Protein backbone atom coordinates (compact mmCIF):
# COMPACT_ATOMS: atom_id res chain seq x y z
CA MET A 1 91.17 110.65 142.61
CA LYS A 2 89.09 107.73 143.84
CA ILE A 3 90.58 104.28 143.31
CA GLY A 4 88.59 102.25 140.79
CA PHE A 5 90.90 99.33 140.01
CA ASP A 6 92.36 96.53 142.17
CA ASN A 7 95.90 96.24 140.86
CA GLU A 8 97.02 93.35 143.09
CA LYS A 9 94.00 91.25 142.12
CA TYR A 10 94.80 92.02 138.49
CA LEU A 11 98.41 90.84 138.74
CA THR A 12 97.37 87.57 140.40
CA MET A 13 94.45 86.84 138.08
CA GLN A 14 96.28 87.82 134.91
CA SER A 15 99.41 85.74 135.57
CA GLU A 16 97.28 82.69 136.44
CA HIS A 17 95.25 83.09 133.25
CA ILE A 18 98.38 83.28 131.08
CA ARG A 19 99.79 80.14 132.71
CA GLU A 20 96.51 78.34 131.99
CA ARG A 21 96.75 79.37 128.33
CA ILE A 22 100.34 78.04 128.08
CA ASN A 23 99.11 74.65 129.35
CA GLN A 24 96.44 74.48 126.61
CA PHE A 25 99.20 73.96 124.05
CA ASP A 26 102.45 71.96 123.96
CA ASN A 27 103.91 74.12 126.71
CA LYS A 28 104.69 76.77 124.09
CA LEU A 29 102.72 80.00 123.77
CA TYR A 30 103.45 83.00 121.57
CA LEU A 31 101.82 85.95 123.32
CA GLU A 32 101.40 89.09 121.23
CA PHE A 33 101.83 91.92 123.74
CA GLY A 34 100.17 95.16 122.67
CA GLY A 35 100.38 98.60 124.26
CA LYS A 36 103.14 100.00 126.42
CA LEU A 37 104.95 97.69 128.80
CA PHE A 38 106.80 100.08 131.10
CA ASP A 39 104.74 103.21 131.16
CA ASP A 40 101.08 102.52 130.42
CA TYR A 41 99.85 105.89 131.63
CA HIS A 42 96.67 105.71 129.58
CA ALA A 43 95.55 102.64 131.54
CA ALA A 44 96.59 104.33 134.79
CA ARG A 45 94.49 107.38 133.94
CA VAL A 46 91.28 105.57 132.92
CA LEU A 47 91.56 102.80 135.54
CA PRO A 48 92.63 104.73 138.67
CA GLY A 49 94.58 102.28 140.78
CA PHE A 50 96.21 100.58 137.78
CA ALA A 51 99.99 100.98 138.15
CA PRO A 52 101.75 102.22 134.98
CA ASP A 53 104.28 99.39 135.35
CA SER A 54 101.66 96.67 135.93
CA LYS A 55 102.54 94.80 132.74
CA LEU A 56 106.21 94.82 133.70
CA ARG A 57 105.40 93.50 137.17
CA LEU A 58 103.23 90.83 135.52
CA LEU A 59 106.10 89.72 133.31
CA LYS A 60 108.44 89.61 136.31
CA GLN A 61 106.04 87.15 137.95
CA LEU A 62 106.41 84.99 134.82
CA SER A 63 110.14 85.65 134.31
CA ASP A 64 111.17 82.03 134.95
CA GLN A 65 108.95 80.91 132.04
CA ALA A 66 109.20 83.87 129.68
CA GLU A 67 111.54 85.19 127.05
CA ILE A 68 111.00 88.32 125.00
CA VAL A 69 111.23 88.82 121.25
CA ILE A 70 111.25 92.45 120.07
CA VAL A 71 109.82 93.11 116.62
CA ILE A 72 110.58 96.13 114.42
CA SER A 73 109.49 96.80 110.85
CA ALA A 74 112.15 97.51 108.23
CA ARG A 75 109.79 100.15 106.85
CA ASP A 76 109.75 101.98 110.19
CA ILE A 77 113.55 101.86 110.35
CA GLU A 78 113.75 103.30 106.84
CA LYS A 79 111.27 106.09 107.65
CA ASN A 80 113.01 106.92 110.96
CA LYS A 81 109.60 106.52 112.61
CA VAL A 82 109.44 108.27 116.00
CA ARG A 83 107.60 107.33 119.20
CA GLY A 84 105.48 110.40 119.88
CA ASP A 85 105.56 110.03 123.65
CA LEU A 86 109.35 109.61 123.92
CA GLY A 87 110.61 111.51 120.88
CA ILE A 88 113.01 108.72 119.87
CA THR A 89 113.10 106.56 116.72
CA TYR A 90 111.77 103.00 116.78
CA ASP A 91 115.25 101.52 116.27
CA SER A 92 116.57 103.50 119.26
CA ASP A 93 113.57 102.33 121.27
CA VAL A 94 114.49 98.70 120.56
CA LEU A 95 117.78 99.31 122.38
CA ARG A 96 115.99 101.16 125.19
CA LEU A 97 113.54 98.30 125.61
CA MET A 98 116.34 95.73 125.72
CA ASP A 99 118.13 97.69 128.46
CA SER A 100 114.91 98.14 130.44
CA PHE A 101 113.98 94.46 130.23
CA GLY A 102 117.49 93.43 131.22
CA ASP A 103 117.55 95.84 134.16
CA ASN A 104 114.36 94.16 135.41
CA GLY A 105 115.72 90.63 135.17
CA LEU A 106 113.81 89.71 132.01
CA TYR A 107 115.44 87.72 129.22
CA VAL A 108 115.38 89.15 125.69
CA GLY A 109 116.12 86.32 123.29
CA SER A 110 116.28 88.15 119.97
CA VAL A 111 115.14 90.93 117.66
CA VAL A 112 113.11 90.34 114.49
CA ILE A 113 113.20 92.74 111.56
CA THR A 114 109.90 92.32 109.70
CA GLN A 115 108.62 93.45 106.28
CA TYR A 116 112.16 93.27 104.97
CA SER A 117 112.74 93.86 101.25
CA GLY A 118 116.38 94.84 101.13
CA GLN A 119 116.22 98.21 102.93
CA GLU A 120 119.80 99.38 103.49
CA SER A 121 118.96 101.10 106.79
CA ALA A 122 117.46 97.86 108.12
CA GLN A 123 120.58 95.93 107.13
CA LEU A 124 122.77 98.50 108.91
CA PHE A 125 120.61 98.18 112.04
CA LYS A 126 120.91 94.38 111.84
CA ASN A 127 124.70 94.70 111.63
CA ARG A 128 124.72 97.06 114.60
CA LEU A 129 122.70 94.66 116.76
CA GLU A 130 124.81 91.66 115.79
CA ASN A 131 127.98 93.60 116.62
CA LEU A 132 126.46 94.04 120.09
CA GLY A 133 126.02 90.28 120.36
CA ILE A 134 122.24 90.34 119.80
CA ARG A 135 120.57 87.61 117.73
CA VAL A 136 118.63 89.07 114.78
CA TYR A 137 116.15 87.33 112.47
CA ILE A 138 114.71 88.51 109.18
CA HIS A 139 111.06 88.16 108.12
CA TYR A 140 110.10 89.10 104.60
CA ASN A 141 107.19 90.73 102.78
CA ILE A 142 104.71 88.16 101.50
CA ALA A 143 102.89 89.08 98.29
CA GLY A 144 99.12 89.42 98.80
CA TYR A 145 99.36 89.39 102.62
CA PRO A 146 97.01 88.76 104.42
CA SER A 147 94.52 87.48 101.84
CA ASN A 148 96.69 85.12 99.77
CA ILE A 149 96.49 82.31 102.32
CA PRO A 150 97.79 79.45 100.09
CA LEU A 151 101.02 81.44 99.61
CA ILE A 152 101.21 82.70 103.20
CA VAL A 153 100.94 79.22 104.74
CA SER A 154 103.62 77.67 102.57
CA ASP A 155 107.38 77.31 102.34
CA ASP A 156 107.42 80.41 100.09
CA GLY A 157 105.43 82.41 102.64
CA TYR A 158 105.94 81.88 106.37
CA GLY A 159 108.43 79.16 105.48
CA LYS A 160 110.74 81.74 103.89
CA ASN A 161 110.99 83.64 107.19
CA GLU A 162 113.89 82.75 109.45
CA TYR A 163 112.86 80.50 112.33
CA ILE A 164 113.32 82.25 115.69
CA GLU A 165 115.17 80.04 118.14
CA THR A 166 113.46 80.23 121.53
CA SER A 167 114.09 78.30 124.73
CA ARG A 168 111.20 79.05 127.10
CA PRO A 169 107.50 78.09 127.14
CA LEU A 170 106.20 81.68 127.04
CA VAL A 171 107.43 83.89 124.22
CA ILE A 172 106.39 87.54 124.63
CA VAL A 173 106.32 89.26 121.24
CA THR A 174 106.42 93.03 121.65
CA ALA A 175 107.41 96.10 119.60
CA PRO A 176 108.13 99.83 119.86
CA GLY A 177 104.72 100.66 118.38
CA PRO A 178 101.73 99.50 116.29
CA GLY A 179 102.11 98.11 112.78
CA SER A 180 105.46 96.49 113.53
CA GLY A 181 104.37 92.96 112.57
CA LYS A 182 103.87 91.28 115.95
CA MET A 183 100.94 89.09 114.87
CA ALA A 184 102.63 88.00 111.63
CA THR A 185 105.75 87.08 113.62
CA CYS A 186 103.70 84.90 115.97
CA LEU A 187 101.85 83.16 113.13
CA SER A 188 105.09 82.56 111.24
CA GLN A 189 106.48 80.85 114.33
CA LEU A 190 103.38 78.65 114.63
CA TYR A 191 104.00 77.46 111.07
CA HIS A 192 107.66 76.66 111.79
CA GLU A 193 106.88 74.99 115.14
CA HIS A 194 104.22 72.82 113.51
CA LYS A 195 106.76 71.63 110.91
CA ARG A 196 108.97 70.64 113.84
CA GLY A 197 106.15 68.66 115.46
CA ILE A 198 105.39 71.22 118.18
CA HIS A 199 101.75 72.28 118.70
CA ALA A 200 102.51 75.86 119.80
CA GLY A 201 99.76 78.33 120.66
CA TYR A 202 99.02 81.99 120.00
CA ALA A 203 97.22 84.50 122.21
CA LYS A 204 96.85 88.24 122.32
CA PHE A 205 97.29 90.52 125.30
CA GLU A 206 95.66 93.91 124.71
CA THR A 207 94.29 95.88 127.66
CA PHE A 208 91.79 97.84 125.53
CA PRO A 209 89.06 97.70 124.57
CA ILE A 210 88.00 95.75 127.65
CA TRP A 211 86.02 92.84 126.25
CA ASN A 212 83.63 92.35 129.18
CA LEU A 213 82.60 96.01 129.59
CA PRO A 214 79.70 97.49 127.57
CA LEU A 215 80.51 98.78 124.09
CA LYS A 216 79.84 102.42 125.05
CA HIS A 217 81.36 102.26 128.53
CA PRO A 218 83.55 105.40 128.98
CA VAL A 219 86.66 103.21 129.48
CA ASN A 220 86.16 101.75 126.00
CA LEU A 221 85.24 105.12 124.51
CA ALA A 222 88.48 106.52 125.96
CA TYR A 223 90.37 103.81 124.08
CA GLU A 224 88.73 104.94 120.84
CA ALA A 225 89.77 108.50 121.64
CA ALA A 226 93.34 107.37 122.29
CA THR A 227 93.50 105.61 118.92
CA ALA A 228 91.55 108.18 116.90
CA ASP A 229 94.60 108.65 114.66
CA LEU A 230 94.47 104.92 113.77
CA ASN A 231 90.70 105.13 113.27
CA ASP A 232 90.12 102.11 115.52
CA ILE A 233 86.45 101.47 116.19
CA ASN A 234 85.09 99.37 119.05
CA MET A 235 82.44 96.89 118.01
CA ILE A 236 80.53 93.86 119.24
CA ASP A 237 82.44 90.68 118.41
CA PRO A 238 79.97 88.95 116.01
CA PHE A 239 81.91 85.67 116.02
CA HIS A 240 81.76 85.39 119.82
CA LEU A 241 78.05 86.26 119.83
CA GLU A 242 77.33 83.57 117.25
CA ALA A 243 79.49 80.90 118.91
CA TYR A 244 78.49 81.46 122.56
CA GLY A 245 75.46 83.78 122.57
CA LYS A 246 77.45 86.30 124.66
CA THR A 247 78.03 89.97 123.88
CA THR A 248 81.69 90.98 124.05
CA VAL A 249 83.65 93.96 122.76
CA ASN A 250 86.59 93.95 120.39
CA TYR A 251 87.86 96.40 117.80
CA ASN A 252 87.44 96.54 114.05
CA ARG A 253 90.91 95.39 112.96
CA ASP A 254 90.79 92.19 115.03
CA VAL A 255 87.23 91.42 113.93
CA GLU A 256 88.05 92.07 110.25
CA ILE A 257 91.19 89.90 110.27
CA PHE A 258 89.69 87.00 112.26
CA PRO A 259 88.32 85.00 109.28
CA VAL A 260 91.81 85.16 107.74
CA LEU A 261 93.44 84.14 111.04
CA ASN A 262 90.96 81.31 111.46
CA THR A 263 91.82 79.96 108.03
CA ILE A 264 95.54 80.25 108.75
CA PHE A 265 95.06 78.33 112.02
CA GLU A 266 93.15 75.63 110.13
CA LYS A 267 95.88 75.41 107.48
CA ILE A 268 98.56 75.03 110.15
CA TYR A 269 96.77 72.88 112.75
CA GLY A 270 94.00 71.25 110.73
CA LYS A 271 91.55 72.87 113.17
CA SER A 272 91.35 76.36 114.70
CA PRO A 273 91.68 76.55 118.51
CA TYR A 274 89.51 79.70 118.60
CA LYS A 275 85.97 80.58 117.65
CA SER A 276 86.27 84.37 117.99
CA PRO A 277 88.77 87.25 118.34
CA THR A 278 87.70 87.49 122.00
CA ASP A 279 88.79 83.88 122.51
CA MET A 280 92.32 84.84 121.46
CA GLY A 281 92.63 87.46 124.21
CA VAL A 282 93.87 86.88 127.75
CA ASN A 283 92.96 90.25 129.28
CA MET A 284 91.51 90.12 132.80
CA ALA A 285 91.38 93.88 133.50
CA GLY A 286 87.59 94.08 133.35
CA ASN A 287 87.33 91.64 136.26
CA CYS A 288 89.42 93.89 138.50
CA ILE A 289 87.36 97.10 138.41
CA CYS A 290 86.30 97.72 142.01
CA ASN A 291 84.60 101.13 141.57
CA ASP A 292 82.89 101.44 138.21
CA GLU A 293 81.85 105.07 138.66
CA ALA A 294 85.42 106.15 139.49
CA CYS A 295 86.62 104.53 136.25
CA ARG A 296 83.77 106.08 134.28
CA GLU A 297 84.60 109.59 135.52
CA ALA A 298 88.35 109.13 134.99
CA SER A 299 87.66 107.97 131.43
CA ARG A 300 85.35 110.89 130.67
CA GLN A 301 88.15 113.24 131.76
CA GLU A 302 90.61 111.33 129.55
CA ILE A 303 88.39 111.83 126.51
CA VAL A 304 88.38 115.60 127.12
CA ARG A 305 92.19 115.58 127.46
CA ARG A 306 92.45 113.66 124.17
CA TYR A 307 90.19 116.24 122.56
CA PHE A 308 92.48 119.11 123.54
CA ALA A 309 95.52 117.10 122.40
CA SER A 310 93.91 116.55 118.99
CA LEU A 311 93.17 120.29 118.63
CA ASN A 312 96.81 121.07 119.50
CA SER A 313 98.02 118.56 116.89
CA LEU A 314 95.66 120.04 114.32
CA VAL A 315 97.10 123.54 114.83
CA GLN A 316 100.63 122.12 114.66
CA GLY A 317 99.79 120.34 111.41
CA THR A 318 100.45 116.83 112.71
CA SER A 319 96.88 115.47 112.61
CA SER A 320 93.71 115.78 110.59
CA GLU A 321 90.46 117.56 111.34
CA GLU A 322 88.70 114.18 111.21
CA GLU A 323 90.61 113.04 114.32
CA ALA A 324 89.33 115.97 116.39
CA GLN A 325 85.82 115.50 115.01
CA LYS A 326 85.84 111.83 115.95
CA ILE A 327 86.82 112.62 119.55
CA GLU A 328 84.12 115.29 119.68
CA ILE A 329 81.57 112.60 118.77
CA LEU A 330 83.01 110.35 121.51
CA MET A 331 82.58 113.22 123.99
CA ASN A 332 78.91 113.39 123.06
CA GLN A 333 78.56 109.62 123.53
CA ALA A 334 80.23 109.86 126.95
CA ASN A 335 78.01 112.85 127.83
CA VAL A 336 80.97 115.09 128.68
CA THR A 337 82.03 118.61 127.60
CA VAL A 338 85.15 120.72 128.11
CA GLN A 339 83.25 122.54 130.88
CA ASP A 340 83.37 119.31 132.89
CA ARG A 341 87.10 119.88 133.18
CA LYS A 342 87.15 122.55 135.90
CA VAL A 343 90.66 123.84 135.20
CA VAL A 344 89.69 124.86 131.66
CA GLU A 345 87.26 127.59 132.67
CA LYS A 346 89.54 128.76 135.50
CA ALA A 347 92.54 129.18 133.16
CA ARG A 348 90.41 130.98 130.60
CA GLU A 349 89.03 133.36 133.24
CA ARG A 350 92.52 134.14 134.56
CA SER A 351 93.80 134.76 131.03
CA GLU A 352 90.95 137.17 130.35
CA GLU A 353 91.59 139.03 133.63
CA THR A 354 95.32 139.43 132.99
CA GLN A 355 95.15 139.80 129.20
CA GLY A 356 97.96 137.28 128.88
CA PRO A 357 98.79 133.59 129.08
CA ALA A 358 97.52 131.92 132.27
CA ALA A 359 97.28 128.46 133.82
CA ALA A 360 95.18 126.64 136.42
CA LEU A 361 95.64 123.46 138.46
CA GLU A 362 93.15 121.47 140.53
CA LEU A 363 94.45 119.95 143.75
CA ASP A 364 93.27 116.63 145.18
CA ASP A 365 90.86 118.38 147.53
CA GLY A 366 89.27 120.43 144.71
CA ARG A 367 91.09 123.72 145.32
CA LEU A 368 91.85 125.58 142.08
CA ILE A 369 95.15 127.48 141.88
CA THR A 370 96.13 129.79 139.02
CA GLY A 371 99.28 131.36 137.63
CA LYS A 372 99.82 134.30 135.28
CA THR A 373 102.66 135.46 133.06
CA THR A 374 105.05 137.99 134.66
CA ASN A 375 108.30 139.65 133.65
CA LEU A 376 110.23 136.91 135.46
CA LEU A 377 108.11 133.79 134.98
CA GLY A 378 105.99 132.11 132.35
CA ALA A 379 102.42 131.25 133.37
CA SER A 380 103.16 127.54 133.92
CA ALA A 381 106.26 128.30 136.03
CA ALA A 382 104.27 130.81 138.09
CA LEU A 383 101.52 128.20 138.52
CA LEU A 384 103.97 125.63 139.88
CA LEU A 385 105.32 128.06 142.46
CA ASN A 386 101.81 129.16 143.51
CA VAL A 387 100.67 125.55 143.87
CA ILE A 388 103.56 124.35 146.02
CA LYS A 389 103.30 127.47 148.20
CA GLU A 390 99.61 126.72 148.69
CA LEU A 391 100.38 123.10 149.60
CA ALA A 392 103.16 124.15 151.98
CA GLY A 393 100.96 126.79 153.66
CA ILE A 394 103.36 129.57 152.63
CA ASP A 395 101.95 133.08 152.18
CA HIS A 396 101.71 133.83 148.47
CA GLU A 397 103.32 137.24 149.05
CA LEU A 398 106.52 135.61 150.30
CA HIS A 399 109.27 134.71 147.84
CA VAL A 400 110.61 131.17 147.90
CA ILE A 401 113.01 132.21 145.13
CA SER A 402 114.40 135.71 145.39
CA PRO A 403 113.98 137.89 142.28
CA GLU A 404 117.70 138.64 142.60
CA SER A 405 118.54 134.97 141.98
CA ILE A 406 116.25 134.82 138.93
CA GLU A 407 117.90 137.79 137.18
CA PRO A 408 121.30 136.06 136.64
CA ILE A 409 119.49 133.08 135.10
CA GLN A 410 117.70 135.45 132.73
CA LYS A 411 121.02 137.05 131.83
CA LEU A 412 122.47 133.62 131.10
CA LYS A 413 119.50 132.76 128.87
CA VAL A 414 119.39 135.99 126.89
CA ASP A 415 122.96 137.31 126.81
CA TYR A 416 124.96 134.08 126.69
CA LEU A 417 122.61 131.41 125.35
CA LYS A 418 120.90 133.83 122.91
CA SER A 419 117.33 132.97 123.95
CA LYS A 420 114.65 135.47 122.98
CA ASN A 421 112.45 134.60 125.97
CA PRO A 422 113.82 135.86 129.30
CA ARG A 423 111.07 134.27 131.39
CA LEU A 424 111.88 131.09 133.29
CA HIS A 425 110.42 127.79 132.12
CA THR A 426 109.13 125.23 134.62
CA ASP A 427 112.38 123.23 134.67
CA GLU A 428 114.45 126.39 135.22
CA VAL A 429 112.27 127.62 138.07
CA LEU A 430 112.52 124.21 139.78
CA ILE A 431 116.32 124.28 139.48
CA ALA A 432 116.34 127.80 140.93
CA LEU A 433 114.07 126.61 143.76
CA SER A 434 116.39 123.65 144.43
CA ALA A 435 119.38 125.99 144.64
CA SER A 436 117.48 128.26 147.04
CA ALA A 437 116.54 125.28 149.22
CA ALA A 438 120.17 124.93 150.29
CA ASN A 439 119.87 128.11 152.37
CA SER A 440 116.11 128.71 152.72
CA SER A 441 113.77 126.59 154.83
CA LEU A 442 110.78 128.07 152.96
CA ALA A 443 112.21 126.99 149.60
CA ARG A 444 112.98 123.55 151.03
CA LYS A 445 109.45 123.21 152.37
CA ALA A 446 107.99 124.27 149.02
CA LEU A 447 110.19 121.81 147.13
CA GLU A 448 108.99 118.93 149.32
CA GLN A 449 105.42 119.43 148.04
CA LEU A 450 106.18 118.39 144.45
CA PRO A 451 105.21 114.70 144.89
CA LYS A 452 101.68 115.85 145.80
CA LEU A 453 101.16 117.08 142.22
CA ASP A 454 101.02 113.52 140.88
CA GLY A 455 97.56 112.95 139.35
CA CYS A 456 96.49 116.62 139.53
CA GLN A 457 94.73 118.26 136.58
CA ALA A 458 96.08 121.39 134.86
CA HIS A 459 95.19 123.57 131.89
CA THR A 460 96.95 126.47 130.17
CA SER A 461 95.46 129.16 127.95
CA VAL A 462 98.21 128.69 125.35
CA MET A 463 100.23 125.78 124.01
CA LEU A 464 103.40 125.18 126.01
CA SER A 465 106.96 124.45 124.95
CA ASP A 466 108.15 120.84 124.87
CA VAL A 467 110.26 121.60 127.97
CA ASP A 468 107.24 122.65 130.03
CA ILE A 469 105.11 119.76 128.78
CA LYS A 470 107.80 117.26 129.76
CA THR A 471 108.20 118.83 133.21
CA PHE A 472 104.48 118.52 133.94
CA LYS A 473 104.58 114.93 132.68
CA LYS A 474 107.49 114.04 134.96
CA LEU A 475 105.58 115.51 137.90
CA GLY A 476 102.56 113.34 137.00
CA VAL A 477 100.35 116.35 136.25
CA GLN A 478 97.64 115.61 133.66
CA LEU A 479 97.90 118.63 131.39
CA THR A 480 95.78 120.12 128.63
CA CYS A 481 96.39 123.28 126.61
CA GLU A 482 94.26 125.57 124.48
CA ALA A 483 95.09 125.18 120.79
CA VAL A 484 96.58 128.69 120.63
CA TYR A 485 100.19 129.78 120.18
CA GLU A 486 101.55 132.28 122.72
CA THR A 487 102.91 134.52 119.96
CA ASP A 488 101.89 135.23 116.38
CA HIS A 489 105.26 134.19 114.98
CA ILE A 490 105.11 131.82 112.00
CA TYR A 491 107.94 129.60 113.29
CA HIS A 492 107.47 127.89 116.65
């Protein structure tokens, strides 16, 4: 994949811009940090060259000035809300985030439980954190939020929330996921700081949509596809256009809430520091694109991947038909079809030839490799072996794992672990390959090719198990699947 984004320029420019914003206020800035901090793979896919840990590296550059406040909604704790990408609950992710920040030398000052109205599960989580020595603050529901501004900006509104004690000029407010109450936490702090005579500031750090790219640029369309379940819509920022005569891009929720925010700022400060939602942002990503066409193509491919993901979710009953339809419209706007994803047609052709599940992968140089289902291997496991043999220059007729070593694993699965599927999954075939590498130079050579799969495209003719999906993800393979179950069983 061609590089389209200058990551080092981004880190330098972004950190400088945040420091400038801190200096605009009384050396106190509450920065609402949206998106994923440690593993922003969406940004890495649509801006090739963007490192998934760029935001973390950015924070490390600011570590001497920054402290982190993690926000979680009491409602999400009560519902046991789960992060789809990690499969863990939001309250567990708070602990994961704290460990990850600490391991990277970043200071986490406290946790805030928002939208609290006496939920027992939230109180238990608060007790658990405090027993671990973590400071916890409670923020409450405010009747009529966000429209009842006289109540919100009063001692019975923001004033009722516990004041978060912070010690550094830059306060990063982050959360396990959207809807946690990051913005409300920041605004509540502005109210409390103002009462203490401190003119603190607020800014927002969201990578997407990129404000200084065109509205229908594929990078921005890919963001709409990624948030189709939230029904986010990119739009021209009318407040910025009116104030400055410049066309910039924001999204509907920020544009809709801005008049309310502006009034809140005026109530707190006497005058709003911002004239538009775009003004509130500090994102410099658009200035660091070094190959626009590479980013356009990467984003078009991302939209197709999101389309297949939405079809899979629809079949699994976890999303609506409207979500898939919205992404289909975005595909039309980006002038891309599923045929533009080469591995799709190749996997379909192989499946038709073999009358069974099949898979295809595109290597960096454009070669297309396929895999089919056999008595020993599932299609995705067979694909992995075929790909690494191709990369290692090993004849496809040669075995890098002997069939004799696979049979005991199948016996373990079926006879002892009571699995109904004797075929090896991707993780099992890689373990078998690793074991073979101890005595086989061919197996060792094949195993050494795995890092080359990072960034490759793959498609399967059926939906895969969670195990196989996670294996491809760990290898960095960008996977899509047909929205078809491998069997006609009702329970999957």
